[in-house]
Amino acid sequence: MTVPQILAELGGVSRRTFYRWRELGQGPAAFKLPNGELRVWRSDFSAWLRALKGAAA
């Protein structure tokens, strides 16, 4: 998934917030492509969302 796709699925979270979560180690696992763009596997994104929901319960 691209960063814009992730932000859209999160319902309008800002790009800065997403990168801040990454800086703090609270974002989903991601990797960089050779061109420097960030990608997240959909399975890692889904697991991250499930972990957030579990922590909120």
Protein backbone atom coordinates (compact mmCIF):
# COMPACT_ATOMS: atom_id res chain seq x y z
CA MET A 1 0.00 0.00 0.00
CA THR A 2 1.17 3.52 -0.65
CA VAL A 3 1.09 6.24 1.99
CA PRO A 4 -1.89 8.01 0.31
CA GLN A 5 -3.81 4.71 0.30
CA ILE A 6 -3.10 4.22 4.00
CA LEU A 7 -4.16 7.77 4.84
CA ALA A 8 -7.40 7.32 2.90
CA GLU A 9 -8.19 4.08 4.75
CA LEU A 10 -7.50 5.78 8.07
CA GLY A 11 -10.14 8.36 7.25
CA GLY A 12 -8.19 11.54 6.77
CA VAL A 13 -5.18 11.18 9.05
CA SER A 14 -2.56 13.68 7.95
CA ARG A 15 0.68 12.61 6.31
CA ARG A 16 2.60 14.29 9.15
CA THR A 17 0.70 12.28 11.77
CA PHE A 18 1.46 9.06 9.92
CA TYR A 19 5.19 9.86 9.74
CA ARG A 20 5.18 10.91 13.40
CA TRP A 21 3.72 7.52 14.34
CA ARG A 22 6.57 5.93 12.38
CA GLU A 23 9.15 8.08 14.18
CA LEU A 24 7.72 6.93 17.52
CA GLY A 25 7.61 3.28 16.43
CA GLN A 26 3.81 3.23 16.63
CA GLY A 27 3.00 2.91 12.92
CA PRO A 28 2.64 -0.19 10.79
CA ALA A 29 5.73 -2.03 9.57
CA ALA A 30 6.92 -0.46 6.33
CA PHE A 31 9.74 -0.68 3.82
CA LYS A 32 11.33 1.71 1.36
CA LEU A 33 11.55 1.10 -2.36
CA PRO A 34 14.80 1.89 -4.19
CA ASN A 35 13.28 5.21 -5.27
CA GLY A 36 12.73 6.15 -1.60
CA GLU A 37 8.94 5.71 -1.54
CA LEU A 38 7.42 4.02 1.48
CA ARG A 39 5.22 0.93 1.19
CA VAL A 40 3.28 -1.17 3.69
CA TRP A 41 2.09 -4.70 3.06
CA ARG A 42 -1.69 -4.85 3.39
CA SER A 43 -1.35 -7.78 5.82
CA ASP A 44 0.94 -5.70 8.07
CA PHE A 45 -1.50 -2.78 7.90
CA SER A 46 -4.43 -5.03 8.84
CA ALA A 47 -2.48 -6.58 11.72
CA TRP A 48 -1.54 -3.10 12.97
CA LEU A 49 -5.20 -2.00 12.90
CA ARG A 50 -6.26 -5.16 14.77
CA ALA A 51 -3.61 -4.48 17.43
CA LEU A 52 -4.90 -0.92 17.84
CA LYS A 53 -8.47 -2.13 18.21
CA GLY A 54 -7.36 -4.76 20.75
CA ALA A 55 -5.50 -2.15 22.80
CA ALA A 56 -8.53 0.14 22.81
CA ALA A 57 -10.85 -2.60 24.10
